[in-house]
Amino acid sequence: MSKTTLAIIAGVSAAAGSAATAAIFASRSQRKDSLPPTATSTPTSNFPPAPLTPVPQLQALRKDLIPPVNPTGIFQYGFPGPVNDLHPTLSTTSSFDRRTRNPAWVAEHITAASINANNADRRHSYFVEDETIPEKFRARLHDYFRSGYDRGHQVPAADAKWSQDALDQTFLLTNMCPQVGEGFNRDYWAHFEDFCRRLTNHYPSVRIVTGPLYLPKRDHEDGKWRVSYEVIGDPPNVSVPTHFYKVIFAEDGKTGGDVSLGAFVLPNARIDNEKPLQGFEVPIEAIERASGLEFAGKLPAQRRKRLCEQVTCSLLVKDYADRQKNLMGSPPPKKLGAGPTPK
């Protein structure tokens, strides 16, 4: 078996005098399948059984050994967690991280029809706290007040204008993370969202997963890698991500057809609009290792295409007013030899 190697991804500098860096473990070695559970029930003991709670089964238990203790009995008082709140709405599906008060990921699905529909107006939408989240774990409107950060949509409101209800739901705080405003959320990140919308000119179906990352950077004094991020609110409880990712699945519309995959990591900082988008492209495995999530484990290798080999991964820089007038914009140019545009 080959050695596990440490791949260090150096982030592109987002502003003069600052550099965003990330250390992400990468490996080409084959992983051994995890051992199957060898026990199907908790053995008897002198303690009352734990309530029926989905917990990992005991591994490699000696069948002739009856433990004198029952650690899972703690579940009679409640399951400690972690608990991720799976939260579907009309326009999004997400998983909320109670510890950071940010979503772990938010998924959306866009098509040419959904983007071209104009049945809603964001002027009628308001940022609201998500009451489906327990109050003590919820991000609150006042947490962002005078924080210096935007309430940054993970799924943009412009992608849900096919319905006023769908648009309104993108303003739930479970779809928000603290984002640098000028130079990022209102600029480079918005142009990136526009790039994703323009993919629907080429692909009949585009699915996108967006979320925050909290990546380490090297300390200049001792050379050690540490994770450090700001926390806002009163009391401080909403984490400020160091980076954001998008994983794009551009589908050709055929049953069992090709899927063009694109994975990008951007620092939560000012980024010059001249920075090439492809400079933020990373292997999807890098995001999986950094986030602890899996995105394409069931997508066979033979169906995968690299998005930036099929289309030109570049931004079309427009001011805010122009973006709102024409959400579809011009499609990203097709790469030569990438095949015909799907119908």
Protein backbone atom coordinates (compact mmCIF):
# COMPACT_ATOMS: atom_id res chain seq x y z
CA MET A 1 0.00 0.00 0.00
CA SER A 2 1.37 3.41 -0.91
CA LYS A 3 2.12 5.97 1.74
CA THR A 4 -0.45 8.54 2.76
CA THR A 5 0.89 11.92 1.69
CA LEU A 6 0.19 15.39 2.97
CA ALA A 7 -1.00 17.69 0.19
CA ILE A 8 -0.80 21.36 1.05
CA ILE A 9 -3.04 23.61 -0.95
CA ALA A 10 -1.85 27.20 -0.86
CA GLY A 11 -4.74 29.60 -1.30
CA VAL A 12 -4.45 32.50 -3.71
CA SER A 13 -3.82 35.83 -1.98
CA ALA A 14 -7.12 37.66 -1.79
CA ALA A 15 -5.79 41.09 -0.87
CA ALA A 16 -2.50 42.92 -0.67
CA GLY A 17 -0.49 41.73 2.31
CA SER A 18 -2.74 38.74 3.08
CA ALA A 19 -2.55 35.11 1.99
CA ALA A 20 -5.14 32.40 2.48
CA THR A 21 -3.66 28.98 3.00
CA ALA A 22 -5.11 25.53 3.63
CA ALA A 23 -3.63 22.19 4.59
CA ILE A 24 -5.68 19.28 3.35
CA PHE A 25 -4.77 15.64 3.60
CA ALA A 26 -4.82 13.79 0.31
CA SER A 27 -4.17 10.12 -0.42
CA ARG A 28 -4.04 7.95 -3.51
CA SER A 29 -3.94 4.74 -1.54
CA GLN A 30 -6.78 2.28 -1.53
CA ARG A 31 -8.75 2.34 1.69
CA LYS A 32 -9.75 -0.87 3.39
CA ASP A 33 -13.48 -1.28 3.76
CA SER A 34 -14.62 -0.71 7.32
CA LEU A 35 -15.23 -3.88 9.26
CA PRO A 36 -18.88 -4.93 9.37
CA PRO A 37 -20.57 -4.99 12.74
CA THR A 38 -20.08 -8.29 14.49
CA ALA A 39 -22.82 -7.80 17.06
CA THR A 40 -26.48 -7.15 16.35
CA SER A 41 -27.56 -6.36 19.88
CA THR A 42 -26.11 -5.07 23.12
CA PRO A 43 -25.29 -7.96 25.47
CA THR A 44 -27.13 -8.32 28.74
CA SER A 45 -25.70 -6.81 31.89
CA ASN A 46 -26.80 -5.80 35.36
CA PHE A 47 -27.85 -2.39 34.02
CA PRO A 48 -31.15 -1.44 32.34
CA PRO A 49 -31.00 -1.40 28.53
CA ALA A 50 -30.57 1.89 26.72
CA PRO A 51 -33.50 3.32 24.76
CA LEU A 52 -33.77 2.43 21.07
CA THR A 53 -31.41 5.02 19.59
CA PRO A 54 -29.48 4.63 16.31
CA VAL A 55 -25.92 4.08 17.54
CA PRO A 56 -22.93 2.27 16.07
CA GLN A 57 -22.87 -1.45 16.80
CA LEU A 58 -20.15 -2.93 18.96
CA GLN A 59 -17.14 -4.11 16.98
CA ALA A 60 -15.37 -7.46 17.38
CA LEU A 61 -17.09 -8.27 20.68
CA ARG A 62 -16.10 -11.50 22.39
CA LYS A 63 -19.29 -13.52 22.53
CA ASP A 64 -18.24 -15.19 25.76
CA LEU A 65 -17.78 -11.85 27.55
CA ILE A 66 -20.66 -10.15 29.36
CA PRO A 67 -19.58 -6.57 30.20
CA PRO A 68 -20.21 -5.38 33.75
CA VAL A 69 -21.05 -1.92 32.36
CA ASN A 70 -23.38 -0.40 29.75
CA PRO A 71 -21.99 2.91 28.46
CA THR A 72 -24.90 3.39 26.05
CA GLY A 73 -27.22 3.70 29.03
CA ILE A 74 -26.46 7.43 28.92
CA PHE A 75 -28.92 7.64 26.01
CA GLN A 76 -31.84 7.27 28.43
CA TYR A 77 -31.17 10.92 29.32
CA GLY A 78 -30.79 12.07 25.72
CA PHE A 79 -28.42 11.69 22.77
CA PRO A 80 -25.50 14.15 23.12
CA GLY A 81 -24.97 14.56 19.36
CA PRO A 82 -23.64 15.93 17.17
CA VAL A 83 -26.98 16.67 15.59
CA ASN A 84 -27.19 18.10 12.09
CA ASP A 85 -30.60 19.46 11.20
CA LEU A 86 -31.59 18.31 7.71
CA HIS A 87 -33.70 21.16 6.41
CA PRO A 88 -35.52 21.00 3.06
CA THR A 89 -37.27 24.07 1.61
CA LEU A 90 -38.79 24.75 -1.81
CA SER A 91 -35.47 25.92 -3.25
CA THR A 92 -32.84 24.32 -1.01
CA THR A 93 -31.88 21.25 0.94
CA SER A 94 -29.38 21.83 3.71
CA SER A 95 -27.71 20.48 6.80
CA PHE A 96 -27.27 22.91 9.68
CA ASP A 97 -24.26 22.76 12.01
CA ARG A 98 -25.45 23.68 15.50
CA ARG A 99 -21.92 24.23 16.77
CA THR A 100 -20.95 26.91 14.25
CA ARG A 101 -24.50 28.27 13.71
CA ASN A 102 -23.76 27.96 9.99
CA PRO A 103 -24.97 25.42 7.46
CA ALA A 104 -22.56 22.56 6.79
CA TRP A 105 -23.85 22.48 3.23
CA VAL A 106 -26.74 23.83 1.17
CA ALA A 107 -27.80 22.12 -2.06
CA GLU A 108 -29.80 23.60 -4.92
CA HIS A 109 -30.99 22.59 -8.38
CA ILE A 110 -31.25 25.08 -11.24
CA THR A 111 -32.39 24.79 -14.84
CA ALA A 112 -32.87 27.26 -17.67
CA ALA A 113 -36.60 27.31 -16.90
CA SER A 114 -36.12 28.00 -13.20
CA ILE A 115 -33.63 30.81 -13.83
CA ASN A 116 -35.71 32.44 -16.59
CA ALA A 117 -38.87 32.44 -14.47
CA ASN A 118 -39.51 35.80 -12.86
CA ASN A 119 -42.40 35.27 -10.46
CA ALA A 120 -40.90 36.88 -7.37
CA ASP A 121 -39.32 40.11 -6.15
CA ARG A 122 -36.61 40.11 -3.51
CA ARG A 123 -37.80 43.52 -2.32
CA HIS A 124 -40.62 41.61 -0.63
CA SER A 125 -38.22 39.24 1.16
CA TYR A 126 -36.66 39.73 4.58
CA PHE A 127 -33.90 38.03 6.54
CA VAL A 128 -35.49 35.86 9.21
CA GLU A 129 -34.33 33.51 11.93
CA ASP A 130 -35.10 29.86 11.28
CA GLU A 131 -37.52 28.69 13.96
CA THR A 132 -37.05 25.04 12.98
CA ILE A 133 -33.68 25.20 14.77
CA PRO A 134 -33.76 25.01 18.59
CA GLU A 135 -33.46 28.52 20.00
CA LYS A 136 -30.17 27.96 21.82
CA PHE A 137 -28.47 26.75 18.61
CA ARG A 138 -30.02 29.29 16.26
CA ALA A 139 -28.23 32.11 14.45
CA ARG A 140 -29.98 35.38 15.22
CA LEU A 141 -30.42 38.60 13.30
CA HIS A 142 -28.70 40.62 16.03
CA ASP A 143 -25.63 38.37 15.77
CA TYR A 144 -24.86 40.09 12.45
CA PHE A 145 -25.65 43.60 13.67
CA ARG A 146 -22.54 45.80 13.30
CA SER A 147 -20.42 42.69 12.88
CA GLY A 148 -18.75 43.98 9.73
CA TYR A 149 -19.98 40.95 7.76
CA ASP A 150 -22.77 40.43 5.26
CA ARG A 151 -25.44 37.81 5.76
CA GLY A 152 -24.08 35.83 2.85
CA HIS A 153 -26.52 33.61 0.94
CA GLN A 154 -25.19 30.13 0.28
CA VAL A 155 -27.95 29.52 -2.28
CA PRO A 156 -28.46 32.93 -3.89
CA ALA A 157 -31.89 34.52 -3.91
CA ALA A 158 -31.59 35.09 -7.66
CA ASP A 159 -31.70 31.31 -8.18
CA ALA A 160 -35.19 31.05 -6.66
CA LYS A 161 -37.17 33.75 -8.46
CA TRP A 162 -39.54 31.13 -9.85
CA SER A 163 -41.68 31.51 -6.70
CA GLN A 164 -42.05 34.19 -4.03
CA ASP A 165 -42.23 31.52 -1.34
CA ALA A 166 -39.08 29.86 -2.68
CA LEU A 167 -37.31 33.22 -2.81
CA ASP A 168 -38.40 34.09 0.73
CA GLN A 169 -36.99 30.83 2.06
CA THR A 170 -33.51 31.67 0.78
CA PHE A 171 -33.51 34.49 3.37
CA LEU A 172 -33.64 32.09 6.32
CA LEU A 173 -30.50 32.42 8.42
CA THR A 174 -29.91 28.68 7.95
CA ASN A 175 -28.93 29.68 4.38
CA MET A 176 -26.49 32.34 5.61
CA CYS A 177 -22.88 32.58 6.68
CA PRO A 178 -20.90 35.68 7.66
CA GLN A 179 -19.17 36.84 4.48
CA VAL A 180 -16.86 39.73 3.71
CA GLY A 181 -19.10 42.20 1.88
CA GLU A 182 -17.25 44.56 -0.41
CA GLY A 183 -14.86 42.72 -2.68
CA PHE A 184 -16.35 39.29 -2.00
CA ASN A 185 -20.07 38.72 -1.32
CA ARG A 186 -21.10 41.75 -3.39
CA ASP A 187 -18.41 41.23 -6.01
CA TYR A 188 -16.33 38.13 -6.80
CA TRP A 189 -18.69 35.66 -5.09
CA ALA A 190 -21.67 37.22 -6.89
CA HIS A 191 -19.87 36.85 -10.23
CA PHE A 192 -19.18 33.22 -9.36
CA GLU A 193 -22.89 32.67 -8.70
CA ASP A 194 -23.58 34.24 -12.08
CA PHE A 195 -21.16 31.75 -13.70
CA CYS A 196 -23.16 28.90 -12.17
CA ARG A 197 -26.42 30.28 -13.57
CA ARG A 198 -24.92 30.66 -17.03
CA LEU A 199 -24.07 26.94 -17.03
CA THR A 200 -27.79 26.28 -17.56
CA ASN A 201 -27.31 27.61 -21.10
CA HIS A 202 -25.20 24.50 -21.78
CA TYR A 203 -26.59 21.92 -19.38
CA PRO A 204 -30.28 21.06 -18.86
CA SER A 205 -29.72 20.40 -15.16
CA VAL A 206 -27.18 21.91 -12.77
CA ARG A 207 -26.90 20.92 -9.11
CA ILE A 208 -24.71 22.89 -6.71
CA VAL A 209 -23.60 22.29 -3.12
CA THR A 210 -22.24 25.32 -1.26
CA GLY A 211 -20.87 25.67 2.23
CA PRO A 212 -18.28 27.06 4.61
CA LEU A 213 -14.81 25.79 5.47
CA TYR A 214 -12.57 26.49 8.45
CA LEU A 215 -9.07 25.84 7.13
CA PRO A 216 -5.70 25.94 8.87
CA LYS A 217 -2.89 28.30 8.05
CA ARG A 218 0.74 28.21 9.05
CA ASP A 219 1.87 30.32 11.97
CA HIS A 220 4.75 32.57 10.91
CA GLU A 221 6.46 32.32 14.30
CA ASP A 222 6.63 28.57 15.00
CA GLY A 223 5.66 27.15 11.60
CA LYS A 224 2.78 25.10 13.03
CA TRP A 225 -0.60 24.83 11.36
CA ARG A 226 -3.60 26.16 13.27
CA VAL A 227 -7.27 26.77 12.64
CA SER A 228 -8.29 30.26 13.69
CA TYR A 229 -11.51 32.11 12.88
CA GLU A 230 -13.58 34.95 14.25
CA VAL A 231 -16.86 34.42 16.09
CA ILE A 232 -19.58 37.09 16.01
CA GLY A 233 -22.72 37.76 18.02
CA ASP A 234 -23.61 38.64 21.59
CA PRO A 235 -22.69 36.28 23.11
CA PRO A 236 -20.21 35.29 20.39
CA ASN A 237 -21.61 32.14 18.79
CA VAL A 238 -21.75 32.47 14.97
CA SER A 239 -18.49 31.31 13.39
CA VAL A 240 -16.95 33.27 10.52
CA PRO A 241 -15.70 30.80 7.88
CA THR A 242 -12.19 31.22 6.53
CA HIS A 243 -13.23 29.87 3.12
CA PHE A 244 -16.24 28.80 1.08
CA TYR A 245 -16.65 25.95 -1.37
CA LYS A 246 -18.92 25.13 -4.27
CA VAL A 247 -19.23 21.68 -5.81
CA ILE A 248 -20.99 21.79 -9.18
CA PHE A 249 -22.70 18.85 -10.90
CA ALA A 250 -23.56 19.83 -14.49
CA GLU A 251 -25.72 17.02 -15.88
CA ASP A 252 -26.14 16.24 -19.58
CA GLY A 253 -29.77 15.24 -19.04
CA LYS A 254 -29.42 11.64 -20.23
CA THR A 255 -30.25 8.65 -18.05
CA GLY A 256 -26.91 7.40 -16.78
CA GLY A 257 -25.25 10.23 -18.72
CA ASP A 258 -22.13 12.28 -18.09
CA VAL A 259 -21.79 14.69 -15.19
CA SER A 260 -19.30 17.54 -15.41
CA LEU A 261 -17.85 18.11 -11.94
CA GLY A 262 -16.35 21.35 -10.72
CA ALA A 263 -14.99 21.96 -7.21
CA PHE A 264 -13.85 25.39 -6.04
CA VAL A 265 -12.57 26.89 -2.76
CA LEU A 266 -12.49 30.65 -2.28
CA PRO A 267 -11.14 32.59 0.71
CA ASN A 268 -13.62 34.68 2.69
CA ALA A 269 -11.78 37.87 1.79
CA ARG A 270 -11.58 40.56 -0.84
CA ILE A 271 -10.67 39.09 -4.22
CA ASP A 272 -9.66 41.11 -7.24
CA ASN A 273 -12.15 40.59 -10.06
CA GLU A 274 -9.21 39.93 -12.38
CA LYS A 275 -8.29 36.74 -10.51
CA PRO A 276 -9.01 33.73 -12.77
CA LEU A 277 -11.79 31.53 -11.44
CA GLN A 278 -9.87 28.42 -12.48
CA GLY A 279 -7.18 29.44 -9.99
CA PHE A 280 -9.61 28.44 -7.23
CA GLU A 281 -10.39 25.02 -8.69
CA VAL A 282 -9.40 22.09 -6.45
CA PRO A 283 -9.91 18.31 -6.54
CA ILE A 284 -13.28 17.38 -5.09
CA GLU A 285 -11.43 15.08 -2.66
CA ALA A 286 -9.71 18.15 -1.17
CA ILE A 287 -13.07 19.66 -0.18
CA GLU A 288 -14.26 16.31 1.16
CA ARG A 289 -11.20 15.98 3.40
CA ALA A 290 -11.45 19.57 4.62
CA SER A 291 -15.19 19.46 5.30
CA GLY A 292 -15.68 15.87 6.45
CA LEU A 293 -18.39 15.52 3.79
CA GLU A 294 -18.78 13.31 0.72
CA PHE A 295 -20.28 14.61 -2.51
CA ALA A 296 -19.90 12.12 -5.34
CA GLY A 297 -19.27 8.75 -3.72
CA LYS A 298 -22.00 7.10 -5.81
CA LEU A 299 -21.03 8.70 -9.13
CA PRO A 300 -19.02 6.17 -11.19
CA ALA A 301 -15.69 7.35 -12.55
CA GLN A 302 -16.74 6.60 -16.13
CA ARG A 303 -19.56 9.14 -15.88
CA ARG A 304 -17.37 11.94 -14.54
CA LYS A 305 -16.06 14.81 -16.64
CA ARG A 306 -14.03 17.77 -15.46
CA LEU A 307 -16.19 20.89 -15.78
CA CYS A 308 -13.31 23.21 -16.65
CA GLU A 309 -12.34 20.91 -19.52
CA GLN A 310 -15.86 21.16 -20.95
CA VAL A 311 -16.47 24.90 -20.57
CA THR A 312 -14.27 27.91 -19.94
CA CYS A 313 -14.31 28.51 -16.18
CA SER A 314 -14.17 32.29 -16.16
CA LEU A 315 -16.20 35.12 -14.71
CA LEU A 316 -18.29 37.68 -16.52
CA VAL A 317 -17.87 40.80 -14.40
CA LYS A 318 -21.02 42.92 -14.34
CA ASP A 319 -22.25 45.49 -11.88
CA TYR A 320 -25.15 44.56 -9.64
CA ALA A 321 -27.85 46.31 -11.69
CA ASP A 322 -26.81 44.54 -14.88
CA ARG A 323 -26.78 41.15 -13.13
CA GLN A 324 -30.36 41.64 -12.00
CA LYS A 325 -31.54 42.59 -15.50
CA ASN A 326 -30.14 39.47 -17.14
CA LEU A 327 -29.62 36.62 -14.71
CA MET A 328 -28.83 34.10 -17.43
CA GLY A 329 -26.19 36.19 -19.19
CA SER A 330 -23.96 34.76 -21.89
CA PRO A 331 -23.05 31.10 -21.47
CA PRO A 332 -19.48 30.18 -20.54
CA PRO A 333 -17.72 29.32 -23.81
CA LYS A 334 -17.58 25.63 -24.71
CA LYS A 335 -14.10 24.12 -24.92
CA LEU A 336 -13.09 22.89 -28.37
CA GLY A 337 -13.54 19.16 -28.67
CA ALA A 338 -15.79 19.03 -25.61
CA GLY A 339 -18.72 17.71 -27.62
CA PRO A 340 -22.00 19.26 -28.73
CA THR A 341 -24.11 21.39 -26.46
CA PRO A 342 -26.78 19.18 -24.84
CA LYS A 343 -30.29 19.91 -26.05
